[in-house]
């Protein structure tokens, strides 16, 4: 599905406004974590396609870590991971792109 550039800019603006409500949003890592939470919420459709995490963290190298990742559809959970760590560039969202520079998966399990 191809989304217009304006959609991503609107998502970024909405995420930044939502993130400003928390004290954690005063830092770039806090903003990035709030943006990840917001995007995961927006791509999830209850009962059809859901991506959930226990927490979103930022490491000292500025990479983002999703802890306790679960992806489910109407048939149930089909992917789980203890940790999914990645470094990415949020500014690329303004161009309608997602750029991930590194990706690390710990204890990932894909249901057959």
C-alpha atoms as a PDB file:
ATOM      1  CA  UNK A   1       0.000   0.000   0.000  1.00  0.00           C
ATOM      2  CA  UNK A   2       1.475   3.343  -1.042  1.00  0.00           C
ATOM      3  CA  UNK A   3       0.624   6.290   1.170  1.00  0.00           C
ATOM      4  CA  UNK A   4       0.944   9.953   0.193  1.00  0.00           C
ATOM      5  CA  UNK A   5       3.795  12.019   1.622  1.00  0.00           C
ATOM      6  CA  UNK A   6       1.368  14.267   3.451  1.00  0.00           C
ATOM      7  CA  UNK A   7       0.094  11.302   5.439  1.00  0.00           C
ATOM      8  CA  UNK A   8       3.548  10.661   6.906  1.00  0.00           C
ATOM      9  CA  UNK A   9       4.058  14.339   7.695  1.00  0.00           C
ATOM     10  CA  UNK A  10       0.673  14.374   9.434  1.00  0.00           C
ATOM     11  CA  UNK A  11       1.579  11.240  11.385  1.00  0.00           C
ATOM     12  CA  UNK A  12       4.844  12.826  12.470  1.00  0.00           C
ATOM     13  CA  UNK A  13       3.084  15.997  13.585  1.00  0.00           C
ATOM     14  CA  UNK A  14       0.413  14.070  15.472  1.00  0.00           C
ATOM     15  CA  UNK A  15       3.039  11.910  17.148  1.00  0.00           C
ATOM     16  CA  UNK A  16       5.054  14.937  18.199  1.00  0.00           C
ATOM     17  CA  UNK A  17       1.973  16.561  19.714  1.00  0.00           C
ATOM     18  CA  UNK A  18       1.050  13.373  21.553  1.00  0.00           C
ATOM     19  CA  UNK A  19       4.615  12.936  22.727  1.00  0.00           C
ATOM     20  CA  UNK A  20       4.720  16.457  24.148  1.00  0.00           C
ATOM     21  CA  UNK A  21       2.246  15.415  26.813  1.00  0.00           C
ATOM     22  CA  UNK A  22       4.879  13.315  28.571  1.00  0.00           C
ATOM     23  CA  UNK A  23       8.050  14.525  30.281  1.00  0.00           C
ATOM     24  CA  UNK A  24      10.010  11.897  28.365  1.00  0.00           C
ATOM     25  CA  UNK A  25       9.206  13.738  25.127  1.00  0.00           C
ATOM     26  CA  UNK A  26      11.663  16.491  26.018  1.00  0.00           C
ATOM     27  CA  UNK A  27      14.495  14.310  24.683  1.00  0.00           C
ATOM     28  CA  UNK A  28      15.075  12.954  21.184  1.00  0.00           C
ATOM     29  CA  UNK A  29      15.017   9.323  22.411  1.00  0.00           C
ATOM     30  CA  UNK A  30      11.713  10.031  24.185  1.00  0.00           C
ATOM     31  CA  UNK A  31      10.299  11.501  20.986  1.00  0.00           C
ATOM     32  CA  UNK A  32      11.472   8.521  18.902  1.00  0.00           C
ATOM     33  CA  UNK A  33       9.973   6.057  21.389  1.00  0.00           C
ATOM     34  CA  UNK A  34       6.660   7.921  21.408  1.00  0.00           C
ATOM     35  CA  UNK A  35       6.705   7.933  17.604  1.00  0.00           C
ATOM     36  CA  UNK A  36       7.262   4.152  17.530  1.00  0.00           C
ATOM     37  CA  UNK A  37       4.397   3.604  19.993  1.00  0.00           C
ATOM     38  CA  UNK A  38       2.158   5.828  17.887  1.00  0.00           C
ATOM     39  CA  UNK A  39       3.040   4.072  14.613  1.00  0.00           C
ATOM     40  CA  UNK A  40       2.528   0.591  16.113  1.00  0.00           C
ATOM     41  CA  UNK A  41      -0.884   1.677  17.345  1.00  0.00           C
ATOM     42  CA  UNK A  42      -1.816   3.044  13.913  1.00  0.00           C
ATOM     43  CA  UNK A  43      -0.824  -0.079  11.945  1.00  0.00           C
ATOM     44  CA  UNK A  44      -2.699  -2.381  14.320  1.00  0.00           C
ATOM     45  CA  UNK A  45      -6.283  -3.344  13.549  1.00  0.00           C
ATOM     46  CA  UNK A  46      -7.815  -5.177  16.548  1.00  0.00           C
ATOM     47  CA  UNK A  47      -8.790  -8.737  15.660  1.00  0.00           C
ATOM     48  CA  UNK A  48      -7.227  -8.521  12.189  1.00  0.00           C
ATOM     49  CA  UNK A  49      -3.564  -7.467  12.504  1.00  0.00           C
ATOM     50  CA  UNK A  50      -2.026  -6.421  15.801  1.00  0.00           C
ATOM     51  CA  UNK A  51       1.551  -5.525  16.704  1.00  0.00           C
ATOM     52  CA  UNK A  52       2.179  -5.199  20.429  1.00  0.00           C
ATOM     53  CA  UNK A  53       5.257  -4.647  22.586  1.00  0.00           C
ATOM     54  CA  UNK A  54       5.922  -4.708  26.318  1.00  0.00           C
ATOM     55  CA  UNK A  55       8.081  -1.599  26.026  1.00  0.00           C
ATOM     56  CA  UNK A  56      10.045   0.629  23.664  1.00  0.00           C
ATOM     57  CA  UNK A  57      13.537   1.610  24.779  1.00  0.00           C
ATOM     58  CA  UNK A  58      16.495   3.586  23.458  1.00  0.00           C
ATOM     59  CA  UNK A  59      20.043   2.265  23.925  1.00  0.00           C
ATOM     60  CA  UNK A  60      23.152   4.375  24.478  1.00  0.00           C
ATOM     61  CA  UNK A  61      24.048   3.994  20.782  1.00  0.00           C
ATOM     62  CA  UNK A  62      20.639   5.586  20.016  1.00  0.00           C
ATOM     63  CA  UNK A  63      19.179   2.404  18.540  1.00  0.00           C
ATOM     64  CA  UNK A  64      15.548   1.592  19.317  1.00  0.00           C
ATOM     65  CA  UNK A  65      14.607  -1.644  21.073  1.00  0.00           C
ATOM     66  CA  UNK A  66      11.165  -3.221  21.049  1.00  0.00           C
ATOM     67  CA  UNK A  67      10.888  -5.599  24.009  1.00  0.00           C
ATOM     68  CA  UNK A  68       8.337  -8.424  23.990  1.00  0.00           C
ATOM     69  CA  UNK A  69       7.175  -8.110  20.383  1.00  0.00           C
ATOM     70  CA  UNK A  70       4.064 -10.015  19.309  1.00  0.00           C
ATOM     71  CA  UNK A  71       2.369  -9.965  15.919  1.00  0.00           C
ATOM     72  CA  UNK A  72      -1.062 -11.552  15.623  1.00  0.00           C
ATOM     73  CA  UNK A  73      -3.914 -11.815  13.161  1.00  0.00           C
ATOM     74  CA  UNK A  74      -7.403 -13.297  13.371  1.00  0.00           C
ATOM     75  CA  UNK A  75      -5.843 -16.799  13.681  1.00  0.00           C
ATOM     76  CA  UNK A  76      -3.649 -15.865  16.628  1.00  0.00           C
ATOM     77  CA  UNK A  77      -0.019 -14.929  17.349  1.00  0.00           C
ATOM     78  CA  UNK A  78       2.288 -15.854  14.469  1.00  0.00           C
ATOM     79  CA  UNK A  79       5.467 -13.968  15.433  1.00  0.00           C
ATOM     80  CA  UNK A  80       7.148 -13.339  18.772  1.00  0.00           C
ATOM     81  CA  UNK A  81      10.529 -11.930  19.727  1.00  0.00           C
ATOM     82  CA  UNK A  82      12.158 -11.208  23.050  1.00  0.00           C
ATOM     83  CA  UNK A  83      13.872  -8.144  21.577  1.00  0.00           C
ATOM     84  CA  UNK A  84      13.952  -6.420  18.217  1.00  0.00           C
ATOM     85  CA  UNK A  85      16.641  -3.726  18.063  1.00  0.00           C
ATOM     86  CA  UNK A  86      17.183  -1.375  15.131  1.00  0.00           C
ATOM     87  CA  UNK A  87      18.623   1.977  14.203  1.00  0.00           C
ATOM     88  CA  UNK A  88      16.527   4.105  11.907  1.00  0.00           C
ATOM     89  CA  UNK A  89      16.068   7.620  10.629  1.00  0.00           C
ATOM     90  CA  UNK A  90      12.737   9.183  11.626  1.00  0.00           C
ATOM     91  CA  UNK A  91      13.362  12.129   9.277  1.00  0.00           C
ATOM     92  CA  UNK A  92      12.912   9.775   6.291  1.00  0.00           C
ATOM     93  CA  UNK A  93       9.226   9.449   7.231  1.00  0.00           C
ATOM     94  CA  UNK A  94       8.737  12.955   5.846  1.00  0.00           C
ATOM     95  CA  UNK A  95       9.751  11.575   2.422  1.00  0.00           C
ATOM     96  CA  UNK A  96       7.345   8.652   2.779  1.00  0.00           C
ATOM     97  CA  UNK A  97      10.195   6.202   3.430  1.00  0.00           C
ATOM     98  CA  UNK A  98      11.375   4.037   6.286  1.00  0.00           C
ATOM     99  CA  UNK A  99      15.134   3.626   6.459  1.00  0.00           C
ATOM    100  CA  UNK A 100      16.522   1.018   8.841  1.00  0.00           C
ATOM    101  CA  UNK A 101      20.322   0.980   9.066  1.00  0.00           C
ATOM    102  CA  UNK A 102      20.790  -1.993  11.425  1.00  0.00           C
ATOM    103  CA  UNK A 103      18.464  -4.707  12.656  1.00  0.00           C
ATOM    104  CA  UNK A 104      18.970  -7.287  15.421  1.00  0.00           C
ATOM    105  CA  UNK A 105      16.530  -9.978  16.530  1.00  0.00           C
ATOM    106  CA  UNK A 106      16.769 -11.903  19.811  1.00  0.00           C
ATOM    107  CA  UNK A 107      14.773 -15.090  20.420  1.00  0.00           C
ATOM    108  CA  UNK A 108      12.480 -14.625  17.439  1.00  0.00           C
ATOM    109  CA  UNK A 109       9.863 -17.270  16.749  1.00  0.00           C
ATOM    110  CA  UNK A 110       7.737 -17.540  13.626  1.00  0.00           C
ATOM    111  CA  UNK A 111       4.751 -19.907  13.808  1.00  0.00           C
ATOM    112  CA  UNK A 112       4.417 -22.410  10.987  1.00  0.00           C
END
